[in-house]
Amino acid sequence: MVGQIDVTIVDGVSRADQRREIATPSRGRTDGAWEINWFVALVRFSVAALLLASAILKALSPAESATLAAGYSIPPWLTTAVVQLELLIAAALVSGCWQRWTLRLTVGLFSVFAAFSLYRATAGFESCGCFGAIKVNPWITFVLDLVVLGCL
């Protein structure tokens, strides 16, 4: 049994071929060329750019971030951790590594962002604080978060 290869044939295709087909983005191609899924690449890089911009703008305006954190009794280390998490996820999205965990973290992060934006919008705040000193209506960020979640 050691060293035995699973060659179960289903509909004329071996399991090894089925696994290979799932793993490569060039499904149905016989020349071995890789096709780039442009929508997935566009979403990955757009979300990475959004997270990078958000992290940089928060880092450039620590007073705004500190005021927002103090208003919700959020410890300063958590605000710093969110900025670092945004940078980490942006880097993972651009590099394409750890795709499953990156997707899970991104969905979780944007779910929290959407909930926070919805709270800020329904409470009548003029800005969500998501982009540091730049004032953005919480309804706009809530819709943006939902769009990102829908694309993921």
C-alpha atoms as a PDB file:
ATOM      1  CA  MET A   1       0.000   0.000   0.000  1.00  0.00           C
ATOM      2  CA  VAL A   2       2.914   2.382   0.614  1.00  0.00           C
ATOM      3  CA  GLY A   3       3.710   4.386  -2.487  1.00  0.00           C
ATOM      4  CA  GLN A   4       0.488   3.395  -4.211  1.00  0.00           C
ATOM      5  CA  ILE A   5      -1.003   6.123  -6.402  1.00  0.00           C
ATOM      6  CA  ASP A   6      -4.726   6.799  -6.486  1.00  0.00           C
ATOM      7  CA  VAL A   7      -5.737   6.515 -10.142  1.00  0.00           C
ATOM      8  CA  THR A   8      -9.493   6.284  -9.777  1.00  0.00           C
ATOM      9  CA  ILE A   9     -11.091   7.225 -13.084  1.00  0.00           C
ATOM     10  CA  VAL A  10     -14.354   9.187 -13.012  1.00  0.00           C
ATOM     11  CA  ASP A  11     -15.945  10.133 -16.331  1.00  0.00           C
ATOM     12  CA  GLY A  12     -12.672   9.426 -18.130  1.00  0.00           C
ATOM     13  CA  VAL A  13     -10.597  11.782 -15.913  1.00  0.00           C
ATOM     14  CA  SER A  14      -8.286  10.570 -13.163  1.00  0.00           C
ATOM     15  CA  ARG A  15      -8.505  12.075  -9.681  1.00  0.00           C
ATOM     16  CA  ALA A  16      -5.015  13.452 -10.057  1.00  0.00           C
ATOM     17  CA  ASP A  17      -6.104  15.282 -13.208  1.00  0.00           C
ATOM     18  CA  GLN A  18      -9.215  16.579 -11.428  1.00  0.00           C
ATOM     19  CA  ARG A  19      -7.077  17.949  -8.573  1.00  0.00           C
ATOM     20  CA  ARG A  20      -4.676  19.531 -11.039  1.00  0.00           C
ATOM     21  CA  GLU A  21      -7.548  21.117 -12.939  1.00  0.00           C
ATOM     22  CA  ILE A  22      -8.952  22.645  -9.764  1.00  0.00           C
ATOM     23  CA  ALA A  23      -5.530  23.944  -8.741  1.00  0.00           C
ATOM     24  CA  THR A  24      -4.759  25.696 -12.018  1.00  0.00           C
ATOM     25  CA  PRO A  25      -6.676  28.670 -13.325  1.00  0.00           C
ATOM     26  CA  SER A  26      -6.387  27.429 -16.914  1.00  0.00           C
ATOM     27  CA  ARG A  27      -9.357  25.090 -16.858  1.00  0.00           C
ATOM     28  CA  GLY A  28     -10.095  23.534 -20.191  1.00  0.00           C
ATOM     29  CA  ARG A  29      -6.869  24.741 -21.800  1.00  0.00           C
ATOM     30  CA  THR A  30      -4.781  22.057 -23.458  1.00  0.00           C
ATOM     31  CA  ASP A  31      -1.697  24.160 -24.166  1.00  0.00           C
ATOM     32  CA  GLY A  32      -0.856  24.565 -20.465  1.00  0.00           C
ATOM     33  CA  ALA A  33      -1.105  28.364 -20.584  1.00  0.00           C
ATOM     34  CA  TRP A  34      -2.300  30.182 -17.512  1.00  0.00           C
ATOM     35  CA  GLU A  35      -5.287  32.449 -17.837  1.00  0.00           C
ATOM     36  CA  ILE A  36      -5.546  35.336 -15.417  1.00  0.00           C
ATOM     37  CA  ASN A  37      -8.924  35.861 -13.839  1.00  0.00           C
ATOM     38  CA  TRP A  38      -9.025  39.629 -14.272  1.00  0.00           C
ATOM     39  CA  PHE A  39     -11.996  40.175 -11.969  1.00  0.00           C
ATOM     40  CA  VAL A  40     -10.308  38.372  -9.071  1.00  0.00           C
ATOM     41  CA  ALA A  41      -7.076  40.296  -9.649  1.00  0.00           C
ATOM     42  CA  LEU A  42      -8.956  43.596  -9.836  1.00  0.00           C
ATOM     43  CA  VAL A  43     -10.812  42.877  -6.585  1.00  0.00           C
ATOM     44  CA  ARG A  44      -7.633  41.748  -4.798  1.00  0.00           C
ATOM     45  CA  PHE A  45      -5.616  44.801  -5.782  1.00  0.00           C
ATOM     46  CA  SER A  46      -8.499  47.238  -5.239  1.00  0.00           C
ATOM     47  CA  VAL A  47      -9.186  45.933  -1.736  1.00  0.00           C
ATOM     48  CA  ALA A  48      -5.446  45.982  -0.993  1.00  0.00           C
ATOM     49  CA  ALA A  49      -5.230  49.610  -2.168  1.00  0.00           C
ATOM     50  CA  LEU A  50      -8.250  50.548  -0.055  1.00  0.00           C
ATOM     51  CA  LEU A  51      -6.770  48.911   3.053  1.00  0.00           C
ATOM     52  CA  LEU A  52      -3.361  50.451   2.411  1.00  0.00           C
ATOM     53  CA  ALA A  53      -4.853  53.938   1.962  1.00  0.00           C
ATOM     54  CA  SER A  54      -6.944  53.543   5.106  1.00  0.00           C
ATOM     55  CA  ALA A  55      -3.972  52.384   7.177  1.00  0.00           C
ATOM     56  CA  ILE A  56      -1.707  55.163   5.916  1.00  0.00           C
ATOM     57  CA  LEU A  57      -4.329  57.861   6.495  1.00  0.00           C
ATOM     58  CA  LYS A  58      -4.947  56.601  10.038  1.00  0.00           C
ATOM     59  CA  ALA A  59      -1.204  56.487  10.719  1.00  0.00           C
ATOM     60  CA  LEU A  60      -0.767  60.038   9.410  1.00  0.00           C
ATOM     61  CA  SER A  61      -3.468  61.406  11.709  1.00  0.00           C
ATOM     62  CA  PRO A  62      -2.968  59.746  15.077  1.00  0.00           C
ATOM     63  CA  ALA A  63      -4.901  62.505  16.874  1.00  0.00           C
ATOM     64  CA  GLU A  64      -8.063  61.705  14.907  1.00  0.00           C
ATOM     65  CA  SER A  65      -7.650  57.988  15.554  1.00  0.00           C
ATOM     66  CA  ALA A  66      -6.997  58.606  19.253  1.00  0.00           C
ATOM     67  CA  THR A  67     -10.104  60.809  19.549  1.00  0.00           C
ATOM     68  CA  LEU A  68     -12.258  58.153  17.900  1.00  0.00           C
ATOM     69  CA  ALA A  69     -10.764  55.403  20.061  1.00  0.00           C
ATOM     70  CA  ALA A  70     -11.237  57.429  23.263  1.00  0.00           C
ATOM     71  CA  GLY A  71     -14.890  58.042  22.372  1.00  0.00           C
ATOM     72  CA  TYR A  72     -15.523  54.287  22.373  1.00  0.00           C
ATOM     73  CA  SER A  73     -13.128  53.379  25.215  1.00  0.00           C
ATOM     74  CA  ILE A  74     -10.972  51.471  22.738  1.00  0.00           C
ATOM     75  CA  PRO A  75      -7.431  50.929  24.012  1.00  0.00           C
ATOM     76  CA  PRO A  76      -4.735  52.593  21.878  1.00  0.00           C
ATOM     77  CA  TRP A  77      -3.044  49.231  21.228  1.00  0.00           C
ATOM     78  CA  LEU A  78      -6.214  47.989  19.500  1.00  0.00           C
ATOM     79  CA  THR A  79      -6.250  50.987  17.157  1.00  0.00           C
ATOM     80  CA  THR A  80      -2.608  50.265  16.312  1.00  0.00           C
ATOM     81  CA  ALA A  81      -3.412  46.580  15.826  1.00  0.00           C
ATOM     82  CA  VAL A  82      -6.202  47.426  13.341  1.00  0.00           C
ATOM     83  CA  VAL A  83      -3.794  49.554  11.282  1.00  0.00           C
ATOM     84  CA  GLN A  84      -1.222  46.755  11.332  1.00  0.00           C
ATOM     85  CA  LEU A  85      -3.863  44.180  10.391  1.00  0.00           C
ATOM     86  CA  GLU A  86      -4.924  46.354   7.451  1.00  0.00           C
ATOM     87  CA  LEU A  87      -1.309  46.538   6.280  1.00  0.00           C
ATOM     88  CA  LEU A  88      -0.827  42.785   6.731  1.00  0.00           C
ATOM     89  CA  ILE A  89      -3.970  41.906   4.786  1.00  0.00           C
ATOM     90  CA  ALA A  90      -3.067  44.389   2.037  1.00  0.00           C
ATOM     91  CA  ALA A  91       0.366  42.772   1.690  1.00  0.00           C
ATOM     92  CA  ALA A  92      -1.157  39.285   1.631  1.00  0.00           C
ATOM     93  CA  LEU A  93      -3.691  40.329  -1.024  1.00  0.00           C
ATOM     94  CA  VAL A  94      -0.999  41.803  -3.250  1.00  0.00           C
ATOM     95  CA  SER A  95       1.373  38.857  -2.833  1.00  0.00           C
ATOM     96  CA  GLY A  96      -1.346  36.243  -3.257  1.00  0.00           C
ATOM     97  CA  CYS A  97      -0.040  34.077  -0.423  1.00  0.00           C
ATOM     98  CA  TRP A  98      -2.233  32.348   2.157  1.00  0.00           C
ATOM     99  CA  GLN A  99      -5.290  32.921  -0.019  1.00  0.00           C
ATOM    100  CA  ARG A 100      -7.829  31.073   2.155  1.00  0.00           C
ATOM    101  CA  TRP A 101      -6.760  32.737   5.391  1.00  0.00           C
ATOM    102  CA  THR A 102      -6.445  36.099   3.689  1.00  0.00           C
ATOM    103  CA  LEU A 103      -9.980  35.777   2.353  1.00  0.00           C
ATOM    104  CA  ARG A 104     -11.314  34.800   5.777  1.00  0.00           C
ATOM    105  CA  LEU A 105      -9.505  37.658   7.508  1.00  0.00           C
ATOM    106  CA  THR A 106     -10.617  40.149   4.863  1.00  0.00           C
ATOM    107  CA  VAL A 107     -14.262  39.073   5.120  1.00  0.00           C
ATOM    108  CA  GLY A 108     -14.077  39.261   8.908  1.00  0.00           C
ATOM    109  CA  LEU A 109     -12.415  42.669   8.879  1.00  0.00           C
ATOM    110  CA  PHE A 110     -14.863  44.177   6.402  1.00  0.00           C
ATOM    111  CA  SER A 111     -17.782  42.671   8.330  1.00  0.00           C
ATOM    112  CA  VAL A 112     -16.580  44.492  11.446  1.00  0.00           C
ATOM    113  CA  PHE A 113     -16.028  47.645   9.387  1.00  0.00           C
ATOM    114  CA  ALA A 114     -19.567  47.408   7.973  1.00  0.00           C
ATOM    115  CA  ALA A 115     -21.084  46.945  11.430  1.00  0.00           C
ATOM    116  CA  PHE A 116     -19.103  49.895  12.800  1.00  0.00           C
ATOM    117  CA  SER A 117     -20.039  52.107   9.834  1.00  0.00           C
ATOM    118  CA  LEU A 118     -23.696  51.160  10.171  1.00  0.00           C
ATOM    119  CA  TYR A 119     -23.616  52.008  13.866  1.00  0.00           C
ATOM    120  CA  ARG A 120     -21.957  55.371  13.159  1.00  0.00           C
ATOM    121  CA  ALA A 121     -24.447  56.103  10.376  1.00  0.00           C
ATOM    122  CA  THR A 122     -27.546  55.268  12.412  1.00  0.00           C
ATOM    123  CA  ALA A 123     -26.198  57.258  15.380  1.00  0.00           C
ATOM    124  CA  GLY A 124     -25.939  60.329  13.132  1.00  0.00           C
ATOM    125  CA  PHE A 125     -22.173  60.860  13.114  1.00  0.00           C
ATOM    126  CA  GLU A 126     -20.764  62.922  10.266  1.00  0.00           C
ATOM    127  CA  SER A 127     -17.731  60.683   9.735  1.00  0.00           C
ATOM    128  CA  CYS A 128     -16.830  57.081  10.440  1.00  0.00           C
ATOM    129  CA  GLY A 129     -13.159  57.794  11.113  1.00  0.00           C
ATOM    130  CA  CYS A 130     -12.181  55.027   8.727  1.00  0.00           C
ATOM    131  CA  PHE A 131      -9.819  57.220   6.751  1.00  0.00           C
ATOM    132  CA  GLY A 132      -8.156  59.224   9.500  1.00  0.00           C
ATOM    133  CA  ALA A 133      -8.607  62.979   9.149  1.00  0.00           C
ATOM    134  CA  ILE A 134     -10.555  62.662   5.882  1.00  0.00           C
ATOM    135  CA  LYS A 135     -14.251  62.972   6.679  1.00  0.00           C
ATOM    136  CA  VAL A 136     -16.348  60.337   4.919  1.00  0.00           C
ATOM    137  CA  ASN A 137     -20.056  59.852   5.527  1.00  0.00           C
ATOM    138  CA  PRO A 138     -20.630  56.569   7.388  1.00  0.00           C
ATOM    139  CA  TRP A 139     -23.389  55.586   4.946  1.00  0.00           C
ATOM    140  CA  ILE A 140     -20.866  55.769   2.105  1.00  0.00           C
ATOM    141  CA  THR A 141     -18.373  53.595   3.976  1.00  0.00           C
ATOM    142  CA  PHE A 142     -21.137  51.164   4.926  1.00  0.00           C
ATOM    143  CA  VAL A 143     -22.118  50.750   1.267  1.00  0.00           C
ATOM    144  CA  LEU A 144     -18.436  50.474   0.302  1.00  0.00           C
ATOM    145  CA  ASP A 145     -17.929  47.742   2.897  1.00  0.00           C
ATOM    146  CA  LEU A 146     -20.969  45.849   1.570  1.00  0.00           C
ATOM    147  CA  VAL A 147     -19.695  46.147  -2.012  1.00  0.00           C
ATOM    148  CA  VAL A 148     -16.294  44.799  -0.978  1.00  0.00           C
ATOM    149  CA  LEU A 149     -17.944  41.932   0.914  1.00  0.00           C
ATOM    150  CA  GLY A 150     -20.090  41.177  -2.134  1.00  0.00           C
ATOM    151  CA  CYS A 151     -17.034  41.045  -4.387  1.00  0.00           C
ATOM    152  CA  LEU A 152     -15.109  38.785  -2.040  1.00  0.00           C
END
